[in-house]
PDB file of all heavy atoms in Angstrom:
ATOM      1  N   THR A   1       0.837  -1.192   0.000  1.00  0.00           N
ATOM      2  CA  THR A   1       0.000   0.000   0.000  1.00  0.00           C
ATOM      3  C   THR A   1       0.877   1.250   0.000  1.00  0.00           C
ATOM      4  O   THR A   1       2.054   1.206   0.317  1.00  0.00           O
ATOM      5  CB  THR A   1      -0.925   0.026   1.235  1.00  0.00           C
ATOM      6  OG1 THR A   1      -0.110  -0.003   2.413  1.00  0.00           O
ATOM      7  CG2 THR A   1      -1.866  -1.157   1.233  1.00  0.00           C
ATOM      8  N   GLY A   2       0.274   2.367  -0.343  1.00  0.00           N
ATOM      9  CA  GLY A   2       0.999   3.641  -0.323  1.00  0.00           C
ATOM     10  C   GLY A   2       1.211   4.180  -1.718  1.00  0.00           C
ATOM     11  O   GLY A   2       0.955   3.519  -2.728  1.00  0.00           O
ATOM     12  N   GLY A   3       1.665   5.439  -1.764  1.00  0.00           N
ATOM     13  CA  GLY A   3       1.888   6.092  -3.039  1.00  0.00           C
ATOM     14  C   GLY A   3       2.008   7.592  -2.874  1.00  0.00           C
ATOM     15  O   GLY A   3       2.284   8.090  -1.770  1.00  0.00           O
ATOM     16  N   PRO A   4       1.767   8.349  -3.947  1.00  0.00           N
ATOM     17  CA  PRO A   4       1.980   9.796  -3.922  1.00  0.00           C
ATOM     18  C   PRO A   4       1.045  10.566  -2.995  1.00  0.00           C
ATOM     19  O   PRO A   4       1.297  11.732  -2.691  1.00  0.00           O
ATOM     20  CB  PRO A   4       1.766  10.214  -5.387  1.00  0.00           C
ATOM     21  CG  PRO A   4       0.951   9.120  -5.980  1.00  0.00           C
ATOM     22  CD  PRO A   4       1.379   7.872  -5.283  1.00  0.00           C
ATOM     23  N   PHE A   5      -0.016   9.917  -2.523  1.00  0.00           N
ATOM     24  CA  PHE A   5      -0.965  10.603  -1.640  1.00  0.00           C
ATOM     25  C   PHE A   5      -0.699  10.316  -0.164  1.00  0.00           C
ATOM     26  O   PHE A   5      -1.515  10.652   0.704  1.00  0.00           O
ATOM     27  CB  PHE A   5      -2.400  10.212  -2.016  1.00  0.00           C
ATOM     28  CG  PHE A   5      -2.816  10.723  -3.365  1.00  0.00           C
ATOM     29  CD1 PHE A   5      -2.517  10.000  -4.507  1.00  0.00           C
ATOM     30  CD2 PHE A   5      -3.483  11.923  -3.497  1.00  0.00           C
ATOM     31  CE1 PHE A   5      -2.871  10.460  -5.766  1.00  0.00           C
ATOM     32  CE2 PHE A   5      -3.853  12.405  -4.747  1.00  0.00           C
ATOM     33  CZ  PHE A   5      -3.541  11.669  -5.892  1.00  0.00           C
ATOM     34  N   ASP A   6       0.449   9.714   0.133  1.00  0.00           N
ATOM     35  CA  ASP A   6       0.759   9.345   1.517  1.00  0.00           C
ATOM     36  C   ASP A   6       0.822  10.552   2.448  1.00  0.00           C
ATOM     37  O   ASP A   6       0.413  10.472   3.611  1.00  0.00           O
ATOM     38  CB  ASP A   6       2.086   8.578   1.587  1.00  0.00           C
ATOM     39  CG  ASP A   6       1.950   7.139   1.129  1.00  0.00           C
ATOM     40  OD1 ASP A   6       0.812   6.702   0.857  1.00  0.00           O
ATOM     41  OD2 ASP A   6       2.978   6.440   1.031  1.00  0.00           O
ATOM     42  N   ARG A   7       1.359  11.667   1.970  1.00  0.00           N
ATOM     43  CA  ARG A   7       1.474  12.849   2.837  1.00  0.00           C
ATOM     44  C   ARG A   7       0.088  13.358   3.226  1.00  0.00           C
ATOM     45  O   ARG A   7      -0.145  13.727   4.391  1.00  0.00           O
ATOM     46  CB  ARG A   7       2.270  13.954   2.148  1.00  0.00           C
ATOM     47  CG  ARG A   7       2.390  15.231   2.992  1.00  0.00           C
ATOM     48  CD  ARG A   7       3.376  16.226   2.386  1.00  0.00           C
ATOM     49  NE  ARG A   7       3.364  17.508   3.070  1.00  0.00           N
ATOM     50  CZ  ARG A   7       3.953  17.750   4.233  1.00  0.00           C
ATOM     51  NH1 ARG A   7       4.623  16.777   4.831  1.00  0.00           N
ATOM     52  NH2 ARG A   7       3.899  18.944   4.783  1.00  0.00           N
ATOM     53  N   ALA A   8      -0.832  13.375   2.284  1.00  0.00           N
ATOM     54  CA  ALA A   8      -2.199  13.814   2.590  1.00  0.00           C
ATOM     55  C   ALA A   8      -2.843  12.878   3.603  1.00  0.00           C
ATOM     56  O   ALA A   8      -3.510  13.323   4.548  1.00  0.00           O
ATOM     57  CB  ALA A   8      -3.028  13.867   1.313  1.00  0.00           C
ATOM     58  N   ILE A   9      -2.641  11.573   3.428  1.00  0.00           N
ATOM     59  CA  ILE A   9      -3.185  10.591   4.371  1.00  0.00           C
ATOM     60  C   ILE A   9      -2.584  10.794   5.754  1.00  0.00           C
ATOM     61  O   ILE A   9      -3.290  10.770   6.772  1.00  0.00           O
ATOM     62  CB  ILE A   9      -2.900   9.163   3.861  1.00  0.00           C
ATOM     63  CG1 ILE A   9      -3.641   8.907   2.547  1.00  0.00           C
ATOM     64  CG2 ILE A   9      -3.292   8.129   4.911  1.00  0.00           C
ATOM     65  CD1 ILE A   9      -3.217   7.635   1.844  1.00  0.00           C
ATOM     66  N   GLU A  10      -1.272  11.001   5.796  1.00  0.00           N
ATOM     67  CA  GLU A  10      -0.580  11.218   7.072  1.00  0.00           C
ATOM     68  C   GLU A  10      -1.135  12.437   7.797  1.00  0.00           C
ATOM     69  O   GLU A  10      -1.387  12.403   9.010  1.00  0.00           O
ATOM     70  CB  GLU A  10       0.914  11.397   6.819  1.00  0.00           C
ATOM     71  CG  GLU A  10       1.732  11.729   8.056  1.00  0.00           C
ATOM     72  CD  GLU A  10       3.159  12.126   7.735  1.00  0.00           C
ATOM     73  OE1 GLU A  10       3.581  11.959   6.573  1.00  0.00           O
ATOM     74  OE2 GLU A  10       3.846  12.620   8.644  1.00  0.00           O
ATOM     75  N   LYS A  11      -1.343  13.521   7.063  1.00  0.00           N
ATOM     76  CA  LYS A  11      -1.851  14.749   7.691  1.00  0.00           C
ATOM     77  C   LYS A  11      -3.284  14.558   8.180  1.00  0.00           C
ATOM     78  O   LYS A  11      -3.657  15.042   9.263  1.00  0.00           O
ATOM     79  CB  LYS A  11      -1.776  15.914   6.695  1.00  0.00           C
ATOM     80  CG  LYS A  11      -0.364  16.364   6.368  1.00  0.00           C
ATOM     81  CD  LYS A  11       0.339  16.937   7.592  1.00  0.00           C
ATOM     82  CE  LYS A  11       1.725  17.461   7.260  1.00  0.00           C
ATOM     83  NZ  LYS A  11       2.412  18.005   8.457  1.00  0.00           N
ATOM     84  N   GLY A  12      -4.100  13.872   7.382  1.00  0.00           N
ATOM     85  CA  GLY A  12      -5.472  13.618   7.817  1.00  0.00           C
ATOM     86  C   GLY A  12      -5.511  12.794   9.081  1.00  0.00           C
ATOM     87  O   GLY A  12      -6.258  13.097  10.029  1.00  0.00           O
ATOM     88  N   ASN A  13      -4.713  11.739   9.126  1.00  0.00           N
ATOM     89  CA  ASN A  13      -4.663  10.893  10.322  1.00  0.00           C
ATOM     90  C   ASN A  13      -4.134  11.647  11.535  1.00  0.00           C
ATOM     91  O   ASN A  13      -4.598  11.440  12.666  1.00  0.00           O
ATOM     92  CB  ASN A  13      -3.786   9.666  10.054  1.00  0.00           C
ATOM     93  CG  ASN A  13      -4.518   8.599   9.261  1.00  0.00           C
ATOM     94  OD1 ASN A  13      -5.722   8.412   9.411  1.00  0.00           O
ATOM     95  ND2 ASN A  13      -3.789   7.886   8.410  1.00  0.00           N
ATOM     96  N   LYS A  14      -3.179  12.531  11.304  1.00  0.00           N
ATOM     97  CA  LYS A  14      -2.623  13.311  12.406  1.00  0.00           C
ATOM     98  C   LYS A  14      -3.678  14.237  12.998  1.00  0.00           C
ATOM     99  O   LYS A  14      -3.806  14.346  14.234  1.00  0.00           O
ATOM    100  CB  LYS A  14      -1.422  14.126  11.918  1.00  0.00           C
ATOM    101  CG  LYS A  14      -0.763  14.955  13.011  1.00  0.00           C
ATOM    102  CD  LYS A  14       0.451  15.718  12.482  1.00  0.00           C
ATOM    103  CE  LYS A  14       1.098  16.553  13.572  1.00  0.00           C
ATOM    104  NZ  LYS A  14       2.276  17.314  13.058  1.00  0.00           N
ATOM    105  N   ALA A  15      -4.436  14.893  12.135  1.00  0.00           N
ATOM    106  CA  ALA A  15      -5.490  15.789  12.624  1.00  0.00           C
ATOM    107  C   ALA A  15      -6.523  15.017  13.431  1.00  0.00           C
ATOM    108  O   ALA A  15      -6.977  15.474  14.491  1.00  0.00           O
ATOM    109  CB  ALA A  15      -6.156  16.499  11.441  1.00  0.00           C
ATOM    110  N   ILE A  16      -6.887  13.839  12.960  1.00  0.00           N
ATOM    111  CA  ILE A  16      -7.869  13.014  13.669  1.00  0.00           C
ATOM    112  C   ILE A  16      -7.329  12.587  15.032  1.00  0.00           C
ATOM    113  O   ILE A  16      -8.025  12.656  16.051  1.00  0.00           O
ATOM    114  CB  ILE A  16      -8.235  11.784  12.818  1.00  0.00           C
ATOM    115  CG1 ILE A  16      -8.999  12.223  11.559  1.00  0.00           C
ATOM    116  CG2 ILE A  16      -9.071  10.790  13.625  1.00  0.00           C
ATOM    117  CD1 ILE A  16      -9.072  11.173  10.479  1.00  0.00           C
ATOM    118  N   LYS A  17      -6.064  12.155  15.047  1.00  0.00           N
ATOM    119  CA  LYS A  17      -5.459  11.686  16.293  1.00  0.00           C
ATOM    120  C   LYS A  17      -5.355  12.799  17.329  1.00  0.00           C
ATOM    121  O   LYS A  17      -5.637  12.586  18.520  1.00  0.00           O
ATOM    122  CB  LYS A  17      -4.071  11.115  16.006  1.00  0.00           C
ATOM    123  CG  LYS A  17      -3.359  10.574  17.235  1.00  0.00           C
ATOM    124  CD  LYS A  17      -2.002   9.997  16.876  1.00  0.00           C
ATOM    125  CE  LYS A  17      -1.276   9.472  18.112  1.00  0.00           C
ATOM    126  NZ  LYS A  17       0.059   8.895  17.759  1.00  0.00           N
ATOM    127  N   LEU A  18      -4.968  13.989  16.903  1.00  0.00           N
ATOM    128  CA  LEU A  18      -4.715  15.078  17.848  1.00  0.00           C
ATOM    129  C   LEU A  18      -5.954  15.880  18.217  1.00  0.00           C
ATOM    130  O   LEU A  18      -6.003  16.481  19.290  1.00  0.00           O
ATOM    131  CB  LEU A  18      -3.664  16.031  17.271  1.00  0.00           C
ATOM    132  CG  LEU A  18      -2.259  15.466  17.082  1.00  0.00           C
ATOM    133  CD1 LEU A  18      -1.352  16.534  16.486  1.00  0.00           C
ATOM    134  CD2 LEU A  18      -1.686  14.958  18.406  1.00  0.00           C
ATOM    135  N   HIS A  19      -6.966  15.898  17.331  1.00  0.00           N
ATOM    136  CA  HIS A  19      -8.055  16.855  17.524  1.00  0.00           C
ATOM    137  C   HIS A  19      -9.453  16.256  17.529  1.00  0.00           C
ATOM    138  O   HIS A  19     -10.437  16.995  17.445  1.00  0.00           O
ATOM    139  CB  HIS A  19      -7.956  17.951  16.453  1.00  0.00           C
ATOM    140  CG  HIS A  19      -6.676  18.723  16.528  1.00  0.00           C
ATOM    141  ND1 HIS A  19      -6.376  19.546  17.586  1.00  0.00           N
ATOM    142  CD2 HIS A  19      -5.599  18.759  15.687  1.00  0.00           C
ATOM    143  CE1 HIS A  19      -5.175  20.084  17.396  1.00  0.00           C
ATOM    144  NE2 HIS A  19      -4.674  19.615  16.260  1.00  0.00           N
ATOM    145  N   SER A  20      -9.550  14.940  17.620  1.00  0.00           N
ATOM    146  CA  SER A  20     -10.872  14.324  17.718  1.00  0.00           C
ATOM    147  C   SER A  20     -11.480  14.607  19.092  1.00  0.00           C
ATOM    148  O   SER A  20     -10.830  14.419  20.128  1.00  0.00           O
ATOM    149  CB  SER A  20     -10.758  12.809  17.506  1.00  0.00           C
ATOM    150  OG  SER A  20     -12.001  12.178  17.708  1.00  0.00           O
ATOM    151  N   ILE A  21     -12.728  15.061  19.112  1.00  0.00           N
ATOM    152  CA  ILE A  21     -13.462  15.302  20.358  1.00  0.00           C
ATOM    153  C   ILE A  21     -14.643  14.336  20.398  1.00  0.00           C
ATOM    154  O   ILE A  21     -15.612  14.499  19.660  1.00  0.00           O
ATOM    155  CB  ILE A  21     -13.980  16.751  20.447  1.00  0.00           C
ATOM    156  CG1 ILE A  21     -12.815  17.743  20.382  1.00  0.00           C
ATOM    157  CG2 ILE A  21     -14.783  16.956  21.735  1.00  0.00           C
ATOM    158  CD1 ILE A  21     -13.251  19.188  20.353  1.00  0.00           C
ATOM    159  N   GLN A  22     -14.556  13.326  21.256  1.00  0.00           N
ATOM    160  CA  GLN A  22     -15.633  12.346  21.363  1.00  0.00           C
ATOM    161  C   GLN A  22     -16.321  12.384  22.722  1.00  0.00           C
ATOM    162  O   GLN A  22     -17.282  11.656  22.958  1.00  0.00           O
ATOM    163  CB  GLN A  22     -15.093  10.948  21.055  1.00  0.00           C
ATOM    164  CG  GLN A  22     -14.551  10.844  19.629  1.00  0.00           C
ATOM    165  CD  GLN A  22     -14.253   9.427  19.194  1.00  0.00           C
ATOM    166  OE1 GLN A  22     -14.905   8.483  19.616  1.00  0.00           O
ATOM    167  NE2 GLN A  22     -13.254   9.279  18.333  1.00  0.00           N
ATOM    168  N   THR A  23     -15.835  13.255  23.612  1.00  0.00           N
ATOM    169  CA  THR A  23     -16.509  13.472  24.896  1.00  0.00           C
ATOM    170  C   THR A  23     -17.858  14.139  24.640  1.00  0.00           C
ATOM    171  O   THR A  23     -17.946  15.089  23.860  1.00  0.00           O
ATOM    172  CB  THR A  23     -15.656  14.374  25.804  1.00  0.00           C
ATOM    173  OG1 THR A  23     -14.385  13.763  26.002  1.00  0.00           O
ATOM    174  CG2 THR A  23     -16.333  14.600  27.142  1.00  0.00           C
ATOM    175  N   LYS A  24     -18.907  13.643  25.288  1.00  0.00           N
ATOM    176  CA  LYS A  24     -20.233  14.226  25.100  1.00  0.00           C
ATOM    177  C   LYS A  24     -20.320  15.593  25.780  1.00  0.00           C
ATOM    178  O   LYS A  24     -19.794  15.785  26.877  1.00  0.00           O
ATOM    179  CB  LYS A  24     -21.312  13.305  25.687  1.00  0.00           C
ATOM    180  CG  LYS A  24     -21.373  11.921  25.062  1.00  0.00           C
ATOM    181  CD  LYS A  24     -21.777  11.986  23.604  1.00  0.00           C
ATOM    182  CE  LYS A  24     -21.896  10.584  23.018  1.00  0.00           C
ATOM    183  NZ  LYS A  24     -22.265  10.610  21.575  1.00  0.00           N
ATOM    184  N   PRO A  25     -20.988  16.552  25.139  1.00  0.00           N
ATOM    185  CA  PRO A  25     -21.162  17.862  25.773  1.00  0.00           C
ATOM    186  C   PRO A  25     -22.222  17.787  26.880  1.00  0.00           C
ATOM    187  O   PRO A  25     -22.969  16.805  26.975  1.00  0.00           O
ATOM    188  CB  PRO A  25     -21.653  18.742  24.613  1.00  0.00           C
ATOM    189  CG  PRO A  25     -22.370  17.775  23.721  1.00  0.00           C
ATOM    190  CD  PRO A  25     -21.609  16.481  23.807  1.00  0.00           C
ATOM    191  N   THR A  26     -22.285  18.809  27.692  1.00  0.00           N
ATOM    192  CA  THR A  26     -23.306  18.871  28.738  1.00  0.00           C
ATOM    193  C   THR A  26     -24.687  18.945  28.093  1.00  0.00           C
ATOM    194  O   THR A  26     -24.929  19.777  27.218  1.00  0.00           O
ATOM    195  CB  THR A  26     -23.089  20.109  29.627  1.00  0.00           C
ATOM    196  OG1 THR A  26     -21.777  20.045  30.200  1.00  0.00           O
ATOM    197  CG2 THR A  26     -24.135  20.164  30.730  1.00  0.00           C
ATOM    198  N   ARG A  27     -25.563  18.057  28.510  1.00  0.00           N
ATOM    199  CA  ARG A  27     -26.887  17.994  27.894  1.00  0.00           C
ATOM    200  C   ARG A  27     -27.804  19.082  28.451  1.00  0.00           C
ATOM    201  O   ARG A  27     -27.822  19.350  29.649  1.00  0.00           O
ATOM    202  CB  ARG A  27     -27.501  16.610  28.117  1.00  0.00           C
ATOM    203  CG  ARG A  27     -26.830  15.510  27.307  1.00  0.00           C
ATOM    204  CD  ARG A  27     -27.361  14.131  27.693  1.00  0.00           C
ATOM    205  NE  ARG A  27     -26.900  13.101  26.780  1.00  0.00           N
ATOM    206  CZ  ARG A  27     -25.702  12.538  26.826  1.00  0.00           C
ATOM    207  NH1 ARG A  27     -24.832  12.929  27.749  1.00  0.00           N
ATOM    208  NH2 ARG A  27     -25.362  11.599  25.967  1.00  0.00           N
ATOM    209  N   LYS A  28     -28.587  19.654  27.553  1.00  0.00           N
ATOM    210  CA  LYS A  28     -29.522  20.697  27.952  1.00  0.00           C
ATOM    211  C   LYS A  28     -30.796  20.074  28.524  1.00  0.00           C
ATOM    212  O   LYS A  28     -31.189  18.977  28.118  1.00  0.00           O
ATOM    213  CB  LYS A  28     -29.872  21.569  26.746  1.00  0.00           C
ATOM    214  CG  LYS A  28     -28.693  22.327  26.160  1.00  0.00           C
ATOM    215  CD  LYS A  28     -29.129  23.171  24.976  1.00  0.00           C
ATOM    216  CE  LYS A  28     -27.939  23.942  24.391  1.00  0.00           C
ATOM    217  NZ  LYS A  28     -28.338  24.778  23.226  1.00  0.00           N
ATOM    218  N   PRO A  29     -31.443  20.769  29.436  1.00  0.00           N
ATOM    219  CA  PRO A  29     -32.703  20.242  30.002  1.00  0.00           C
ATOM    220  C   PRO A  29     -33.734  20.015  28.895  1.00  0.00           C
ATOM    221  O   PRO A  29     -33.881  20.821  27.981  1.00  0.00           O
ATOM    222  CB  PRO A  29     -33.154  21.355  30.962  1.00  0.00           C
ATOM    223  CG  PRO A  29     -31.889  22.088  31.304  1.00  0.00           C
ATOM    224  CD  PRO A  29     -31.042  22.040  30.072  1.00  0.00           C
ATOM    225  N   GLY A  30     -34.434  18.883  28.981  1.00  0.00           N
ATOM    226  CA  GLY A  30     -35.481  18.582  28.007  1.00  0.00           C
ATOM    227  C   GLY A  30     -34.977  18.109  26.661  1.00  0.00           C
ATOM    228  O   GLY A  30     -35.736  18.047  25.691  1.00  0.00           O
ATOM    229  N   TRP A  31     -33.706  17.745  26.577  1.00  0.00           N
ATOM    230  CA  TRP A  31     -33.129  17.374  25.287  1.00  0.00           C
ATOM    231  C   TRP A  31     -33.787  16.148  24.670  1.00  0.00           C
ATOM    232  O   TRP A  31     -33.834  16.018  23.440  1.00  0.00           O
ATOM    233  CB  TRP A  31     -31.623  17.149  25.427  1.00  0.00           C
ATOM    234  CG  TRP A  31     -31.239  15.975  26.281  1.00  0.00           C
ATOM    235  CD1 TRP A  31     -31.071  15.963  27.630  1.00  0.00           C
ATOM    236  CD2 TRP A  31     -30.984  14.641  25.830  1.00  0.00           C
ATOM    237  NE1 TRP A  31     -30.709  14.721  28.073  1.00  0.00           N
ATOM    238  CE2 TRP A  31     -30.653  13.878  26.981  1.00  0.00           C
ATOM    239  CE3 TRP A  31     -30.986  14.024  24.586  1.00  0.00           C
ATOM    240  CZ2 TRP A  31     -30.351  12.522  26.909  1.00  0.00           C
ATOM    241  CZ3 TRP A  31     -30.672  12.671  24.509  1.00  0.00           C
ATOM    242  CH2 TRP A  31     -30.367  11.929  25.659  1.00  0.00           C
ATOM    243  N   ARG A  32     -34.301  15.260  25.487  1.00  0.00           N
ATOM    244  CA  ARG A  32     -34.914  14.043  24.957  1.00  0.00           C
ATOM    245  C   ARG A  32     -36.163  14.329  24.133  1.00  0.00           C
ATOM    246  O   ARG A  32     -36.591  13.497  23.326  1.00  0.00           O
ATOM    247  CB  ARG A  32     -35.259  13.089  26.094  1.00  0.00           C
ATOM    248  CG  ARG A  32     -34.047  12.516  26.814  1.00  0.00           C
ATOM    249  CD  ARG A  32     -34.456  11.478  27.845  1.00  0.00           C
ATOM    250  NE  ARG A  32     -33.316  10.996  28.615  1.00  0.00           N
ATOM    251  CZ  ARG A  32     -32.478  10.049  28.195  1.00  0.00           C
ATOM    252  NH1 ARG A  32     -32.648   9.486  27.012  1.00  0.00           N
ATOM    253  NH2 ARG A  32     -31.465   9.671  28.964  1.00  0.00           N
ATOM    254  N   ASN A  33     -36.767  15.480  24.329  1.00  0.00           N
ATOM    255  CA  ASN A  33     -37.973  15.845  23.586  1.00  0.00           C
ATOM    256  C   ASN A  33     -37.669  16.649  22.329  1.00  0.00           C
ATOM    257  O   ASN A  33     -38.593  17.081  21.643  1.00  0.00           O
ATOM    258  CB  ASN A  33     -38.919  16.645  24.490  1.00  0.00           C
ATOM    259  CG  ASN A  33     -39.359  15.849  25.704  1.00  0.00           C
ATOM    260  OD1 ASN A  33     -39.647  14.656  25.594  1.00  0.00           O
ATOM    261  ND2 ASN A  33     -39.411  16.515  26.861  1.00  0.00           N
ATOM    262  N   ASN A  34     -36.396  16.841  22.048  1.00  0.00           N
ATOM    263  CA  ASN A  34     -35.980  17.620  20.876  1.00  0.00           C
ATOM    264  C   ASN A  34     -35.194  16.706  19.929  1.00  0.00           C
ATOM    265  O   ASN A  34     -34.054  16.358  20.222  1.00  0.00           O
ATOM    266  CB  ASN A  34     -35.108  18.801  21.324  1.00  0.00           C
ATOM    267  CG  ASN A  34     -34.773  19.739  20.174  1.00  0.00           C
ATOM    268  OD1 ASN A  34     -34.585  19.317  19.039  1.00  0.00           O
ATOM    269  ND2 ASN A  34     -34.686  21.031  20.478  1.00  0.00           N
ATOM    270  N   PRO A  35     -35.785  16.284  18.802  1.00  0.00           N
ATOM    271  CA  PRO A  35     -35.110  15.353  17.885  1.00  0.00           C
ATOM    272  C   PRO A  35     -33.740  15.836  17.413  1.00  0.00           C
ATOM    273  O   PRO A  35     -32.816  15.031  17.256  1.00  0.00           O
ATOM    274  CB  PRO A  35     -36.084  15.243  16.706  1.00  0.00           C
ATOM    275  CG  PRO A  35     -37.424  15.564  17.292  1.00  0.00           C
ATOM    276  CD  PRO A  35     -37.152  16.602  18.332  1.00  0.00           C
ATOM    277  N   LYS A  36     -33.600  17.136  17.202  1.00  0.00           N
ATOM    278  CA  LYS A  36     -32.312  17.662  16.750  1.00  0.00           C
ATOM    279  C   LYS A  36     -31.245  17.496  17.827  1.00  0.00           C
ATOM    280  O   LYS A  36     -30.094  17.147  17.527  1.00  0.00           O
ATOM    281  CB  LYS A  36     -32.450  19.137  16.361  1.00  0.00           C
ATOM    282  CG  LYS A  36     -33.230  19.365  15.080  1.00  0.00           C
ATOM    283  CD  LYS A  36     -33.217  20.833  14.681  1.00  0.00           C
ATOM    284  CE  LYS A  36     -33.955  21.044  13.358  1.00  0.00           C
ATOM    285  NZ  LYS A  36     -33.950  22.482  12.943  1.00  0.00           N
ATOM    286  N   LEU A  37     -31.627  17.752  19.080  1.00  0.00           N
ATOM    287  CA  LEU A  37     -30.667  17.582  20.171  1.00  0.00           C
ATOM    288  C   LEU A  37     -30.349  16.109  20.404  1.00  0.00           C
ATOM    289  O   LEU A  37     -29.197  15.757  20.698  1.00  0.00           O
ATOM    290  CB  LEU A  37     -31.222  18.206  21.455  1.00  0.00           C
ATOM    291  CG  LEU A  37     -31.195  19.729  21.544  1.00  0.00           C
ATOM    292  CD1 LEU A  37     -31.811  20.203  22.855  1.00  0.00           C
ATOM    293  CD2 LEU A  37     -29.770  20.261  21.402  1.00  0.00           C
ATOM    294  N   VAL A  38     -31.344  15.243  20.253  1.00  0.00           N
ATOM    295  CA  VAL A  38     -31.100  13.808  20.399  1.00  0.00           C
ATOM    296  C   VAL A  38     -30.057  13.357  19.378  1.00  0.00           C
ATOM    297  O   VAL A  38     -29.099  12.639  19.703  1.00  0.00           O
ATOM    298  CB  VAL A  38     -32.406  13.002  20.225  1.00  0.00           C
ATOM    299  CG1 VAL A  38     -32.101  11.509  20.130  1.00  0.00           C
ATOM    300  CG2 VAL A  38     -33.355  13.273  21.379  1.00  0.00           C
TER     301      VAL A  38
END
């Protein structure tokens, strides 16, 4: 695997590794009744 696009792949993976936010935000009251918030 690999080729001329390796640098782009490397940068994309680096951004994901360093800047992924998967912690849930503080939920607003009544969020369960709001489909967009759900």
